[in-house]
PDB file of N, CA and C in Angstrom:
ATOM      1  N   UNK A   1     104.110 138.407  87.819  1.00  0.00           N
ATOM      2  CA  UNK A   1     103.501 137.221  87.259  1.00  0.00           C
ATOM      3  C   UNK A   1     103.093 137.520  85.822  1.00  0.00           C
ATOM      4  N   UNK A   2     103.543 136.704  84.899  1.00  0.00           N
ATOM      5  CA  UNK A   2     103.233 136.916  83.479  1.00  0.00           C
ATOM      6  C   UNK A   2     102.782 135.611  82.844  1.00  0.00           C
ATOM      7  N   UNK A   3     101.854 135.713  81.921  1.00  0.00           N
ATOM      8  CA  UNK A   3     101.368 134.557  81.181  1.00  0.00           C
ATOM      9  C   UNK A   3     101.707 134.788  79.712  1.00  0.00           C
ATOM     10  N   UNK A   4     102.376 133.829  79.066  1.00  0.00           N
ATOM     11  CA  UNK A   4     102.674 134.000  77.643  1.00  0.00           C
ATOM     12  C   UNK A   4     101.385 134.164  76.836  1.00  0.00           C
ATOM     13  N   UNK A   5     101.393 135.094  75.889  1.00  0.00           N
ATOM     14  CA  UNK A   5     100.196 135.389  75.089  1.00  0.00           C
ATOM     15  C   UNK A   5      99.709 134.157  74.334  1.00  0.00           C
ATOM     16  N   UNK A   6     100.616 133.289  73.896  1.00  0.00           N
ATOM     17  CA  UNK A   6     100.197 132.078  73.174  1.00  0.00           C
ATOM     18  C   UNK A   6      99.330 131.172  74.034  1.00  0.00           C
ATOM     19  N   UNK A   7      99.516 131.260  75.360  1.00  0.00           N
ATOM     20  CA  UNK A   7      98.746 130.409  76.261  1.00  0.00           C
ATOM     21  C   UNK A   7      97.325 130.911  76.499  1.00  0.00           C
ATOM     22  N   UNK A   8      97.031 132.166  76.134  1.00  0.00           N
ATOM     23  CA  UNK A   8      95.693 132.699  76.389  1.00  0.00           C
ATOM     24  C   UNK A   8      94.955 133.146  75.127  1.00  0.00           C
ATOM     25  N   UNK A   9      95.594 133.090  73.981  1.00  0.00           N
ATOM     26  CA  UNK A   9      94.929 133.544  72.752  1.00  0.00           C
ATOM     27  C   UNK A   9      93.634 132.780  72.490  1.00  0.00           C
ATOM     28  N   UNK A  10      93.638 131.462  72.689  1.00  0.00           N
ATOM     29  CA  UNK A  10      92.422 130.678  72.455  1.00  0.00           C
ATOM     30  C   UNK A  10      91.324 131.079  73.436  1.00  0.00           C
ATOM     31  N   UNK A  11      91.694 131.379  74.696  1.00  0.00           N
ATOM     32  CA  UNK A  11      90.694 131.826  75.667  1.00  0.00           C
ATOM     33  C   UNK A  11      90.069 133.146  75.237  1.00  0.00           C
ATOM     34  N   UNK A  12      90.904 134.054  74.753  1.00  0.00           N
ATOM     35  CA  UNK A  12      90.402 135.355  74.300  1.00  0.00           C
ATOM     36  C   UNK A  12      89.443 135.177  73.132  1.00  0.00           C
ATOM     37  N   UNK A  13      89.809 134.342  72.160  1.00  0.00           N
ATOM     38  CA  UNK A  13      88.928 134.085  71.014  1.00  0.00           C
ATOM     39  C   UNK A  13      87.599 133.508  71.476  1.00  0.00           C
ATOM     40  N   UNK A  14      87.653 132.600  72.446  1.00  0.00           N
ATOM     41  CA  UNK A  14      86.436 131.983  72.959  1.00  0.00           C
ATOM     42  C   UNK A  14      85.522 132.988  73.630  1.00  0.00           C
ATOM     43  N   UNK A  15      86.098 133.893  74.415  1.00  0.00           N
ATOM     44  CA  UNK A  15      85.301 134.921  75.082  1.00  0.00           C
ATOM     45  C   UNK A  15      84.662 135.838  74.047  1.00  0.00           C
ATOM     46  N   UNK A  16      85.426 136.218  73.035  1.00  0.00           N
ATOM     47  CA  UNK A  16      84.875 137.083  71.994  1.00  0.00           C
ATOM     48  C   UNK A  16      83.762 136.398  71.209  1.00  0.00           C
ATOM     49  N   UNK A  17      83.886 135.090  71.007  1.00  0.00           N
ATOM     50  CA  UNK A  17      82.890 134.352  70.215  1.00  0.00           C
ATOM     51  C   UNK A  17      81.635 134.019  71.015  1.00  0.00           C
ATOM     52  N   UNK A  18      81.814 133.649  72.290  1.00  0.00           N
ATOM     53  CA  UNK A  18      80.667 133.152  73.059  1.00  0.00           C
ATOM     54  C   UNK A  18      80.267 134.034  74.231  1.00  0.00           C
ATOM     55  N   UNK A  19      81.148 134.939  74.627  1.00  0.00           N
ATOM     56  CA  UNK A  19      80.870 135.768  75.794  1.00  0.00           C
ATOM     57  C   UNK A  19      81.139 135.053  77.099  1.00  0.00           C
ATOM     58  N   UNK A  20      81.665 133.830  77.021  1.00  0.00           N
ATOM     59  CA  UNK A  20      81.955 133.049  78.227  1.00  0.00           C
ATOM     60  C   UNK A  20      83.433 132.666  78.243  1.00  0.00           C
ATOM     61  N   UNK A  21      83.987 132.580  79.450  1.00  0.00           N
ATOM     62  CA  UNK A  21      85.358 132.121  79.614  1.00  0.00           C
ATOM     63  C   UNK A  21      85.318 130.617  79.863  1.00  0.00           C
ATOM     64  N   UNK A  22      85.674 129.859  78.831  1.00  0.00           N
ATOM     65  CA  UNK A  22      85.671 128.402  78.934  1.00  0.00           C
ATOM     66  C   UNK A  22      87.086 127.895  78.664  1.00  0.00           C
ATOM     67  N   UNK A  23      87.611 127.148  79.630  1.00  0.00           N
ATOM     68  CA  UNK A  23      88.941 126.564  79.462  1.00  0.00           C
ATOM     69  C   UNK A  23      88.791 125.141  78.952  1.00  0.00           C
ATOM     70  N   UNK A  24      89.563 124.775  77.927  1.00  0.00           N
ATOM     71  CA  UNK A  24      89.501 123.396  77.436  1.00  0.00           C
ATOM     72  C   UNK A  24      90.186 122.459  78.430  1.00  0.00           C
ATOM     73  N   UNK A  25      89.679 121.238  78.524  1.00  0.00           N
ATOM     74  CA  UNK A  25      90.305 120.272  79.422  1.00  0.00           C
ATOM     75  C   UNK A  25      90.142 118.865  78.880  1.00  0.00           C
ATOM     76  N   UNK A  26      91.010 117.972  79.382  1.00  0.00           N
ATOM     77  CA  UNK A  26      90.927 116.547  79.047  1.00  0.00           C
ATOM     78  C   UNK A  26      90.211 115.763  80.134  1.00  0.00           C
ATOM     79  N   UNK A  27      90.418 116.138  81.376  1.00  0.00           N
ATOM     80  CA  UNK A  27      89.776 115.429  82.477  1.00  0.00           C
ATOM     81  C   UNK A  27      90.642 114.333  83.067  1.00  0.00           C
ATOM     82  N   UNK A  28      91.922 114.648  83.283  1.00  0.00           N
ATOM     83  CA  UNK A  28      92.833 113.672  83.893  1.00  0.00           C
ATOM     84  C   UNK A  28      93.572 114.303  85.059  1.00  0.00           C
ATOM     85  N   UNK A  29      94.054 113.443  85.934  1.00  0.00           N
ATOM     86  CA  UNK A  29      94.990 113.851  86.981  1.00  0.00           C
ATOM     87  C   UNK A  29      96.331 113.255  86.583  1.00  0.00           C
ATOM     88  N   UNK A  30      97.336 114.101  86.523  1.00  0.00           N
ATOM     89  CA  UNK A  30      98.621 113.654  86.008  1.00  0.00           C
ATOM     90  C   UNK A  30      99.780 114.298  86.752  1.00  0.00           C
ATOM     91  N   UNK A  31     100.966 113.747  86.508  1.00  0.00           N
ATOM     92  CA  UNK A  31     102.211 114.286  87.023  1.00  0.00           C
ATOM     93  C   UNK A  31     103.067 114.638  85.820  1.00  0.00           C
ATOM     94  N   UNK A  32     103.651 115.838  85.822  1.00  0.00           N
ATOM     95  CA  UNK A  32     104.609 116.208  84.775  1.00  0.00           C
ATOM     96  C   UNK A  32     105.910 115.466  85.050  1.00  0.00           C
ATOM     97  N   UNK A  33     106.324 114.661  84.085  1.00  0.00           N
ATOM     98  CA  UNK A  33     107.490 113.805  84.303  1.00  0.00           C
ATOM     99  C   UNK A  33     108.796 114.581  84.329  1.00  0.00           C
ATOM    100  N   UNK A  34     109.651 114.152  85.235  1.00  0.00           N
ATOM    101  CA  UNK A  34     111.044 114.577  85.320  1.00  0.00           C
ATOM    102  C   UNK A  34     111.866 113.289  85.377  1.00  0.00           C
ATOM    103  N   UNK A  35     113.167 113.408  85.365  1.00  0.00           N
ATOM    104  CA  UNK A  35     114.009 112.218  85.491  1.00  0.00           C
ATOM    105  C   UNK A  35     113.677 111.443  86.762  1.00  0.00           C
ATOM    106  N   UNK A  36     113.469 112.172  87.864  1.00  0.00           N
ATOM    107  CA  UNK A  36     113.188 111.518  89.151  1.00  0.00           C
ATOM    108  C   UNK A  36     111.860 110.763  89.143  1.00  0.00           C
ATOM    109  N   UNK A  37     110.803 111.407  88.621  1.00  0.00           N
ATOM    110  CA  UNK A  37     109.505 110.720  88.551  1.00  0.00           C
ATOM    111  C   UNK A  37     109.575 109.513  87.614  1.00  0.00           C
ATOM    112  N   UNK A  38     110.246 109.655  86.485  1.00  0.00           N
ATOM    113  CA  UNK A  38     110.373 108.541  85.543  1.00  0.00           C
ATOM    114  C   UNK A  38     111.058 107.364  86.216  1.00  0.00           C
ATOM    115  N   UNK A  39     112.079 107.641  87.008  1.00  0.00           N
ATOM    116  CA  UNK A  39     112.781 106.583  87.741  1.00  0.00           C
ATOM    117  C   UNK A  39     111.867 105.974  88.804  1.00  0.00           C
ATOM    118  N   UNK A  40     111.179 106.839  89.566  1.00  0.00           N
ATOM    119  CA  UNK A  40     110.288 106.371  90.638  1.00  0.00           C
ATOM    120  C   UNK A  40     109.194 105.454  90.110  1.00  0.00           C
ATOM    121  N   UNK A  41     108.611 105.813  88.948  1.00  0.00           N
ATOM    122  CA  UNK A  41     107.519 105.023  88.380  1.00  0.00           C
ATOM    123  C   UNK A  41     108.013 103.975  87.386  1.00  0.00           C
ATOM    124  N   UNK A  42     109.327 103.863  87.229  1.00  0.00           N
ATOM    125  CA  UNK A  42     109.940 102.868  86.340  1.00  0.00           C
ATOM    126  C   UNK A  42     109.407 102.996  84.904  1.00  0.00           C
ATOM    127  N   UNK A  43     109.492 104.222  84.376  1.00  0.00           N
ATOM    128  CA  UNK A  43     108.966 104.502  83.040  1.00  0.00           C
ATOM    129  C   UNK A  43     110.091 104.580  82.022  1.00  0.00           C
ATOM    130  N   UNK A  44     109.769 104.226  80.790  1.00  0.00           N
ATOM    131  CA  UNK A  44     110.765 104.261  79.715  1.00  0.00           C
ATOM    132  C   UNK A  44     110.945 105.662  79.139  1.00  0.00           C
ATOM    133  N   UNK A  45     109.971 106.545  79.351  1.00  0.00           N
ATOM    134  CA  UNK A  45     110.075 107.926  78.876  1.00  0.00           C
ATOM    135  C   UNK A  45     110.308 108.844  80.067  1.00  0.00           C
ATOM    136  N   UNK A  46     110.996 109.955  79.816  1.00  0.00           N
ATOM    137  CA  UNK A  46     111.352 110.850  80.918  1.00  0.00           C
ATOM    138  C   UNK A  46     110.636 112.191  80.878  1.00  0.00           C
ATOM    139  N   UNK A  47     109.873 112.447  79.829  1.00  0.00           N
ATOM    140  CA  UNK A  47     109.116 113.691  79.727  1.00  0.00           C
ATOM    141  C   UNK A  47     107.713 113.374  79.226  1.00  0.00           C
ATOM    142  N   UNK A  48     106.758 114.132  79.719  1.00  0.00           N
ATOM    143  CA  UNK A  48     105.372 113.938  79.331  1.00  0.00           C
ATOM    144  C   UNK A  48     104.462 114.118  80.526  1.00  0.00           C
ATOM    145  N   UNK A  49     103.203 113.796  80.343  1.00  0.00           N
ATOM    146  CA  UNK A  49     102.194 113.871  81.399  1.00  0.00           C
ATOM    147  C   UNK A  49     101.783 112.442  81.740  1.00  0.00           C
ATOM    148  N   UNK A  50     102.190 111.978  82.920  1.00  0.00           N
ATOM    149  CA  UNK A  50     101.928 110.602  83.358  1.00  0.00           C
ATOM    150  C   UNK A  50     100.615 110.561  84.120  1.00  0.00           C
ATOM    151  N   UNK A  51      99.678 109.743  83.652  1.00  0.00           N
ATOM    152  CA  UNK A  51      98.397 109.584  84.333  1.00  0.00           C
ATOM    153  C   UNK A  51      98.608 108.586  85.465  1.00  0.00           C
ATOM    154  N   UNK A  52      98.731 109.119  86.646  1.00  0.00           N
ATOM    155  CA  UNK A  52      99.093 108.332  87.822  1.00  0.00           C
ATOM    156  C   UNK A  52      97.923 107.455  88.258  1.00  0.00           C
ATOM    157  N   UNK A  53      98.181 106.170  88.484  1.00  0.00           N
ATOM    158  CA  UNK A  53      97.107 105.294  88.973  1.00  0.00           C
ATOM    159  C   UNK A  53      96.641 105.744  90.357  1.00  0.00           C
ATOM    160  N   UNK A  54      95.339 105.635  90.582  1.00  0.00           N
ATOM    161  CA  UNK A  54      94.808 105.994  91.895  1.00  0.00           C
ATOM    162  C   UNK A  54      94.062 104.800  92.477  1.00  0.00           C
ATOM    163  N   UNK A  55      93.991 104.776  93.772  1.00  0.00           N
ATOM    164  CA  UNK A  55      93.280 103.673  94.443  1.00  0.00           C
ATOM    165  C   UNK A  55      91.782 103.717  94.166  1.00  0.00           C
ATOM    166  N   UNK A  56      91.273 104.928  93.965  1.00  0.00           N
ATOM    167  CA  UNK A  56      89.833 105.066  93.745  1.00  0.00           C
ATOM    168  C   UNK A  56      89.466 105.095  92.265  1.00  0.00           C
ATOM    169  N   UNK A  57      90.481 105.012  91.377  1.00  0.00           N
ATOM    170  CA  UNK A  57      90.209 104.986  89.949  1.00  0.00           C
ATOM    171  C   UNK A  57      89.708 106.295  89.388  1.00  0.00           C
ATOM    172  N   UNK A  58      90.125 107.405  90.006  1.00  0.00           N
ATOM    173  CA  UNK A  58      89.616 108.702  89.584  1.00  0.00           C
ATOM    174  C   UNK A  58      90.649 109.542  88.834  1.00  0.00           C
ATOM    175  N   UNK A  59      91.688 108.936  88.321  1.00  0.00           N
ATOM    176  CA  UNK A  59      92.678 109.712  87.566  1.00  0.00           C
ATOM    177  C   UNK A  59      92.137 110.138  86.208  1.00  0.00           C
ATOM    178  N   UNK A  60      91.146 109.429  85.714  1.00  0.00           N
ATOM    179  CA  UNK A  60      90.467 109.803  84.474  1.00  0.00           C
ATOM    180  C   UNK A  60      88.999 110.020  84.840  1.00  0.00           C
ATOM    181  N   UNK A  61      88.557 111.252  84.708  1.00  0.00           N
ATOM    182  CA  UNK A  61      87.211 111.591  85.152  1.00  0.00           C
ATOM    183  C   UNK A  61      86.151 110.974  84.237  1.00  0.00           C
ATOM    184  N   UNK A  62      85.127 110.443  84.845  1.00  0.00           N
ATOM    185  CA  UNK A  62      84.040 109.799  84.107  1.00  0.00           C
ATOM    186  C   UNK A  62      83.371 110.789  83.163  1.00  0.00           C
ATOM    187  N   UNK A  63      83.170 110.359  81.924  1.00  0.00           N
ATOM    188  CA  UNK A  63      82.509 111.181  80.926  1.00  0.00           C
ATOM    189  C   UNK A  63      83.381 112.274  80.322  1.00  0.00           C
ATOM    190  N   UNK A  64      84.643 112.305  80.710  1.00  0.00           N
ATOM    191  CA  UNK A  64      85.549 113.357  80.239  1.00  0.00           C
ATOM    192  C   UNK A  64      86.060 113.068  78.831  1.00  0.00           C
ATOM    193  N   UNK A  65      86.634 114.078  78.167  1.00  0.00           N
ATOM    194  CA  UNK A  65      87.243 113.845  76.857  1.00  0.00           C
ATOM    195  C   UNK A  65      88.315 112.755  76.904  1.00  0.00           C
ATOM    196  N   UNK A  66      89.047 112.676  78.011  1.00  0.00           N
ATOM    197  CA  UNK A  66      90.092 111.658  78.150  1.00  0.00           C
ATOM    198  C   UNK A  66      89.489 110.257  78.134  1.00  0.00           C
ATOM    199  N   UNK A  67      88.396 110.063  78.872  1.00  0.00           N
ATOM    200  CA  UNK A  67      87.740 108.756  78.896  1.00  0.00           C
ATOM    201  C   UNK A  67      87.188 108.409  77.517  1.00  0.00           C
ATOM    202  N   UNK A  68      86.567 109.380  76.857  1.00  0.00           N
ATOM    203  CA  UNK A  68      86.007 109.146  75.530  1.00  0.00           C
ATOM    204  C   UNK A  68      87.088 108.822  74.503  1.00  0.00           C
ATOM    205  N   UNK A  69      88.297 109.387  74.686  1.00  0.00           N
ATOM    206  CA  UNK A  69      89.402 109.143  73.759  1.00  0.00           C
ATOM    207  C   UNK A  69      90.074 107.802  74.006  1.00  0.00           C
ATOM    208  N   UNK A  70      89.814 107.204  75.171  1.00  0.00           N
ATOM    209  CA  UNK A  70      90.409 105.910  75.478  1.00  0.00           C
ATOM    210  C   UNK A  70      91.684 105.973  76.300  1.00  0.00           C
ATOM    211  N   UNK A  71      91.982 107.111  76.918  1.00  0.00           N
ATOM    212  CA  UNK A  71      93.153 107.191  77.786  1.00  0.00           C
ATOM    213  C   UNK A  71      92.959 106.299  79.003  1.00  0.00           C
ATOM    214  N   UNK A  72      94.068 105.776  79.515  1.00  0.00           N
ATOM    215  CA  UNK A  72      94.033 104.884  80.671  1.00  0.00           C
ATOM    216  C   UNK A  72      95.079 105.313  81.680  1.00  0.00           C
ATOM    217  N   UNK A  73      94.859 104.906  82.940  1.00  0.00           N
ATOM    218  CA  UNK A  73      95.877 105.135  83.957  1.00  0.00           C
ATOM    219  C   UNK A  73      97.179 104.477  83.505  1.00  0.00           C
ATOM    220  N   UNK A  74      98.289 105.097  83.824  1.00  0.00           N
ATOM    221  CA  UNK A  74      99.657 104.684  83.471  1.00  0.00           C
ATOM    222  C   UNK A  74     100.054 105.082  82.052  1.00  0.00           C
ATOM    223  N   UNK A  75      99.153 105.693  81.274  1.00  0.00           N
ATOM    224  CA  UNK A  75      99.546 106.247  79.977  1.00  0.00           C
ATOM    225  C   UNK A  75     100.410 107.474  80.223  1.00  0.00           C
ATOM    226  N   UNK A  76     101.325 107.733  79.296  1.00  0.00           N
ATOM    227  CA  UNK A  76     102.122 108.956  79.326  1.00  0.00           C
ATOM    228  C   UNK A  76     101.811 109.726  78.049  1.00  0.00           C
ATOM    229  N   UNK A  77     101.265 110.918  78.189  1.00  0.00           N
ATOM    230  CA  UNK A  77     101.016 111.776  77.030  1.00  0.00           C
ATOM    231  C   UNK A  77     102.325 112.497  76.734  1.00  0.00           C
ATOM    232  N   UNK A  78     102.901 112.226  75.566  1.00  0.00           N
ATOM    233  CA  UNK A  78     104.188 112.828  75.207  1.00  0.00           C
ATOM    234  C   UNK A  78     104.054 113.999  74.253  1.00  0.00           C
ATOM    235  N   UNK A  79     102.936 114.037  73.492  1.00  0.00           N
ATOM    236  CA  UNK A  79     102.725 115.137  72.547  1.00  0.00           C
ATOM    237  C   UNK A  79     101.232 115.422  72.417  1.00  0.00           C
ATOM    238  N   UNK A  80     100.937 116.673  72.133  1.00  0.00           N
ATOM    239  CA  UNK A  80      99.592 117.096  71.742  1.00  0.00           C
ATOM    240  C   UNK A  80      99.761 117.828  70.414  1.00  0.00           C
ATOM    241  N   UNK A  81      99.154 117.287  69.364  1.00  0.00           N
ATOM    242  CA  UNK A  81      99.303 117.869  68.020  1.00  0.00           C
ATOM    243  C   UNK A  81     100.768 118.109  67.664  1.00  0.00           C
ATOM    244  N   UNK A  82     101.606 117.127  67.912  1.00  0.00           N
ATOM    245  CA  UNK A  82     103.041 117.188  67.613  1.00  0.00           C
ATOM    246  C   UNK A  82     103.830 118.164  68.474  1.00  0.00           C
ATOM    247  N   UNK A  83     103.210 118.780  69.478  1.00  0.00           N
ATOM    248  CA  UNK A  83     103.919 119.649  70.426  1.00  0.00           C
ATOM    249  C   UNK A  83     104.333 118.785  71.615  1.00  0.00           C
ATOM    250  N   UNK A  84     105.639 118.657  71.838  1.00  0.00           N
ATOM    251  CA  UNK A  84     106.155 117.828  72.930  1.00  0.00           C
ATOM    252  C   UNK A  84     105.733 118.386  74.282  1.00  0.00           C
ATOM    253  N   UNK A  85     105.368 117.488  75.178  1.00  0.00           N
ATOM    254  CA  UNK A  85     105.070 117.850  76.561  1.00  0.00           C
ATOM    255  C   UNK A  85     106.368 117.659  77.335  1.00  0.00           C
ATOM    256  N   UNK A  86     106.920 118.755  77.833  1.00  0.00           N
ATOM    257  CA  UNK A  86     108.205 118.691  78.528  1.00  0.00           C
ATOM    258  C   UNK A  86     108.293 119.832  79.533  1.00  0.00           C
ATOM    259  N   UNK A  87     109.509 120.090  80.020  1.00  0.00           N
ATOM    260  CA  UNK A  87     109.677 121.129  81.041  1.00  0.00           C
ATOM    261  C   UNK A  87     109.354 122.528  80.515  1.00  0.00           C
ATOM    262  N   UNK A  88     109.354 122.711  79.208  1.00  0.00           N
ATOM    263  CA  UNK A  88     109.023 124.015  78.619  1.00  0.00           C
ATOM    264  C   UNK A  88     107.568 124.136  78.207  1.00  0.00           C
ATOM    265  N   UNK A  89     106.882 123.021  78.064  1.00  0.00           N
ATOM    266  CA  UNK A  89     105.492 122.993  77.606  1.00  0.00           C
ATOM    267  C   UNK A  89     104.704 121.974  78.418  1.00  0.00           C
ATOM    268  N   UNK A  90     104.022 122.454  79.451  1.00  0.00           N
ATOM    269  CA  UNK A  90     103.208 121.550  80.257  1.00  0.00           C
ATOM    270  C   UNK A  90     101.955 121.161  79.480  1.00  0.00           C
ATOM    271  N   UNK A  91     101.333 120.079  79.887  1.00  0.00           N
ATOM    272  CA  UNK A  91     100.096 119.650  79.236  1.00  0.00           C
ATOM    273  C   UNK A  91      99.036 120.754  79.331  1.00  0.00           C
ATOM    274  N   UNK A  92      98.904 121.349  80.492  1.00  0.00           N
ATOM    275  CA  UNK A  92      97.915 122.410  80.681  1.00  0.00           C
ATOM    276  C   UNK A  92      98.185 123.581  79.745  1.00  0.00           C
ATOM    277  N   UNK A  93      99.440 123.965  79.618  1.00  0.00           N
ATOM    278  CA  UNK A  93      99.821 125.068  78.746  1.00  0.00           C
ATOM    279  C   UNK A  93      99.517 124.755  77.282  1.00  0.00           C
ATOM    280  N   UNK A  94      99.872 123.567  76.843  1.00  0.00           N
ATOM    281  CA  UNK A  94      99.643 123.193  75.438  1.00  0.00           C
ATOM    282  C   UNK A  94      98.146 123.102  75.148  1.00  0.00           C
ATOM    283  N   UNK A  95      97.377 122.509  76.052  1.00  0.00           N
ATOM    284  CA  UNK A  95      95.929 122.428  75.847  1.00  0.00           C
ATOM    285  C   UNK A  95      95.295 123.818  75.860  1.00  0.00           C
ATOM    286  N   UNK A  96      95.855 124.728  76.645  1.00  0.00           N
ATOM    287  CA  UNK A  96      95.337 126.084  76.728  1.00  0.00           C
ATOM    288  C   UNK A  96      95.457 126.858  75.425  1.00  0.00           C
ATOM    289  N   UNK A  97      96.272 126.367  74.510  1.00  0.00           N
ATOM    290  CA  UNK A  97      96.415 127.011  73.198  1.00  0.00           C
ATOM    291  C   UNK A  97      95.306 126.581  72.237  1.00  0.00           C
ATOM    292  N   UNK A  98      94.493 125.625  72.682  1.00  0.00           N
ATOM    293  CA  UNK A  98      93.365 125.141  71.885  1.00  0.00           C
ATOM    294  C   UNK A  98      92.082 125.722  72.446  1.00  0.00           C
ATOM    295  N   UNK A  99      91.003 125.512  71.732  1.00  0.00           N
ATOM    296  CA  UNK A  99      89.695 126.007  72.157  1.00  0.00           C
ATOM    297  C   UNK A  99      88.771 124.837  72.476  1.00  0.00           C
ATOM    298  N   UNK A 100      87.749 125.133  73.255  1.00  0.00           N
ATOM    299  CA  UNK A 100      86.706 124.153  73.528  1.00  0.00           C
ATOM    300  C   UNK A 100      86.115 123.717  72.194  1.00  0.00           C
ATOM    301  N   UNK A 101      85.992 122.414  71.996  1.00  0.00           N
ATOM    302  CA  UNK A 101      85.459 121.869  70.752  1.00  0.00           C
ATOM    303  C   UNK A 101      86.524 121.445  69.763  1.00  0.00           C
ATOM    304  N   UNK A 102      87.774 121.864  69.994  1.00  0.00           N
ATOM    305  CA  UNK A 102      88.865 121.461  69.098  1.00  0.00           C
ATOM    306  C   UNK A 102      89.167 119.978  69.267  1.00  0.00           C
ATOM    307  N   UNK A 103      89.522 119.334  68.172  1.00  0.00           N
ATOM    308  CA  UNK A 103      89.996 117.950  68.201  1.00  0.00           C
ATOM    309  C   UNK A 103      91.517 117.991  68.246  1.00  0.00           C
ATOM    310  N   UNK A 104      92.099 117.235  69.163  1.00  0.00           N
ATOM    311  CA  UNK A 104      93.552 117.187  69.287  1.00  0.00           C
ATOM    312  C   UNK A 104      94.032 115.747  69.124  1.00  0.00           C
ATOM    313  N   UNK A 105      95.241 115.615  68.598  1.00  0.00           N
ATOM    314  CA  UNK A 105      95.875 114.305  68.479  1.00  0.00           C
ATOM    315  C   UNK A 105      96.845 114.150  69.633  1.00  0.00           C
ATOM    316  N   UNK A 106      96.645 113.106  70.408  1.00  0.00           N
ATOM    317  CA  UNK A 106      97.504 112.822  71.552  1.00  0.00           C
ATOM    318  C   UNK A 106      98.448 111.688  71.190  1.00  0.00           C
ATOM    319  N   UNK A 107      99.732 111.920  71.361  1.00  0.00           N
ATOM    320  CA  UNK A 107     100.705 110.836  71.228  1.00  0.00           C
ATOM    321  C   UNK A 107     100.972 110.349  72.637  1.00  0.00           C
ATOM    322  N   UNK A 108     100.768 109.058  72.843  1.00  0.00           N
ATOM    323  CA  UNK A 108     100.938 108.491  74.185  1.00  0.00           C
ATOM    324  C   UNK A 108     101.898 107.307  74.129  1.00  0.00           C
ATOM    325  N   UNK A 109     102.415 106.976  75.300  1.00  0.00           N
ATOM    326  CA  UNK A 109     103.167 105.743  75.469  1.00  0.00           C
ATOM    327  C   UNK A 109     102.351 104.884  76.424  1.00  0.00           C
ATOM    328  N   UNK A 110     101.971 103.711  75.944  1.00  0.00           N
ATOM    329  CA  UNK A 110     101.213 102.745  76.748  1.00  0.00           C
ATOM    330  C   UNK A 110     101.939 101.414  76.669  1.00  0.00           C
ATOM    331  N   UNK A 111     102.302 100.884  77.810  1.00  0.00           N
ATOM    332  CA  UNK A 111     103.024  99.603  77.874  1.00  0.00           C
ATOM    333  C   UNK A 111     104.275  99.636  77.001  1.00  0.00           C
ATOM    334  N   UNK A 112     104.980 100.778  76.998  1.00  0.00           N
ATOM    335  CA  UNK A 112     106.231 100.906  76.264  1.00  0.00           C
ATOM    336  C   UNK A 112     106.090 101.138  74.770  1.00  0.00           C
ATOM    337  N   UNK A 113     104.857 101.267  74.274  1.00  0.00           N
ATOM    338  CA  UNK A 113     104.639 101.448  72.834  1.00  0.00           C
ATOM    339  C   UNK A 113     103.940 102.765  72.557  1.00  0.00           C
ATOM    340  N   UNK A 114     104.386 103.456  71.487  1.00  0.00           N
ATOM    341  CA  UNK A 114     103.745 104.702  71.066  1.00  0.00           C
ATOM    342  C   UNK A 114     102.403 104.410  70.414  1.00  0.00           C
ATOM    343  N   UNK A 115     101.432 105.257  70.729  1.00  0.00           N
ATOM    344  CA  UNK A 115     100.109 105.183  70.117  1.00  0.00           C
ATOM    345  C   UNK A 115      99.605 106.609  69.912  1.00  0.00           C
ATOM    346  N   UNK A 116      98.628 106.765  69.036  1.00  0.00           N
ATOM    347  CA  UNK A 116      97.972 108.063  68.900  1.00  0.00           C
ATOM    348  C   UNK A 116      96.480 107.897  69.143  1.00  0.00           C
ATOM    349  N   UNK A 117      95.922 108.876  69.810  1.00  0.00           N
ATOM    350  CA  UNK A 117      94.492 108.921  70.103  1.00  0.00           C
ATOM    351  C   UNK A 117      93.979 110.302  69.736  1.00  0.00           C
ATOM    352  N   UNK A 118      92.704 110.385  69.427  1.00  0.00           N
ATOM    353  CA  UNK A 118      92.056 111.666  69.144  1.00  0.00           C
ATOM    354  C   UNK A 118      91.129 111.993  70.311  1.00  0.00           C
ATOM    355  N   UNK A 119      91.151 113.258  70.715  1.00  0.00           N
ATOM    356  CA  UNK A 119      90.256 113.717  71.772  1.00  0.00           C
ATOM    357  C   UNK A 119      89.635 115.047  71.342  1.00  0.00           C
ATOM    358  N   UNK A 120      88.391 115.237  71.683  1.00  0.00           N
ATOM    359  CA  UNK A 120      87.723 116.510  71.450  1.00  0.00           C
ATOM    360  C   UNK A 120      87.615 117.219  72.785  1.00  0.00           C
ATOM    361  N   UNK A 121      88.234 118.395  72.878  1.00  0.00           N
ATOM    362  CA  UNK A 121      88.289 119.126  74.127  1.00  0.00           C
ATOM    363  C   UNK A 121      86.928 119.692  74.481  1.00  0.00           C
ATOM    364  N   UNK A 122      86.605 119.618  75.761  1.00  0.00           N
ATOM    365  CA  UNK A 122      85.353 120.157  76.278  1.00  0.00           C
ATOM    366  C   UNK A 122      85.672 121.260  77.273  1.00  0.00           C
ATOM    367  N   UNK A 123      84.653 121.999  77.664  1.00  0.00           N
ATOM    368  CA  UNK A 123      84.837 123.056  78.655  1.00  0.00           C
ATOM    369  C   UNK A 123      85.065 122.433  80.026  1.00  0.00           C
ATOM    370  N   UNK A 124      86.050 122.965  80.732  1.00  0.00           N
ATOM    371  CA  UNK A 124      86.327 122.482  82.085  1.00  0.00           C
ATOM    372  C   UNK A 124      85.123 122.771  82.973  1.00  0.00           C
ATOM    373  N   UNK A 125      84.745 121.806  83.796  1.00  0.00           N
ATOM    374  CA  UNK A 125      83.625 122.028  84.706  1.00  0.00           C
ATOM    375  C   UNK A 125      83.928 123.202  85.627  1.00  0.00           C
ATOM    376  N   UNK A 126      82.906 123.939  86.007  1.00  0.00           N
ATOM    377  CA  UNK A 126      83.109 125.091  86.875  1.00  0.00           C
ATOM    378  C   UNK A 126      83.017 124.721  88.338  1.00  0.00           C
ATOM    379  N   UNK A 127      82.573 123.515  88.647  1.00  0.00           N
ATOM    380  CA  UNK A 127      82.465 123.100  90.055  1.00  0.00           C
ATOM    381  C   UNK A 127      83.467 122.032  90.362  1.00  0.00           C
TER     382      UNK A 127
END
């Protein structure tokens, strides 16, 4: 089992700066899109992080960076800071290259239209 160094450099910097291991997070539940998922959900894009609608409305956690940035269920995050979200770069992996407190630009597709949103990453809850 190996983890690419680029995926943990921000974590290492954070530990050295604060003495705590804090992982940045957005606070969403999503599916990494493939051709099959894009077809199943009838989406115009085939790669990205699809925020799947839930019956209980919990795909975007209350008070999370995602909620504060204005993300909604059925949005597809296609890029983070111009880094494409695809089979080579998962959303978790790309966010892991950032640090808690960093501001990121999210390129999303909402209702078939590209939009950009800004989010400030927070530390993932420990519970």
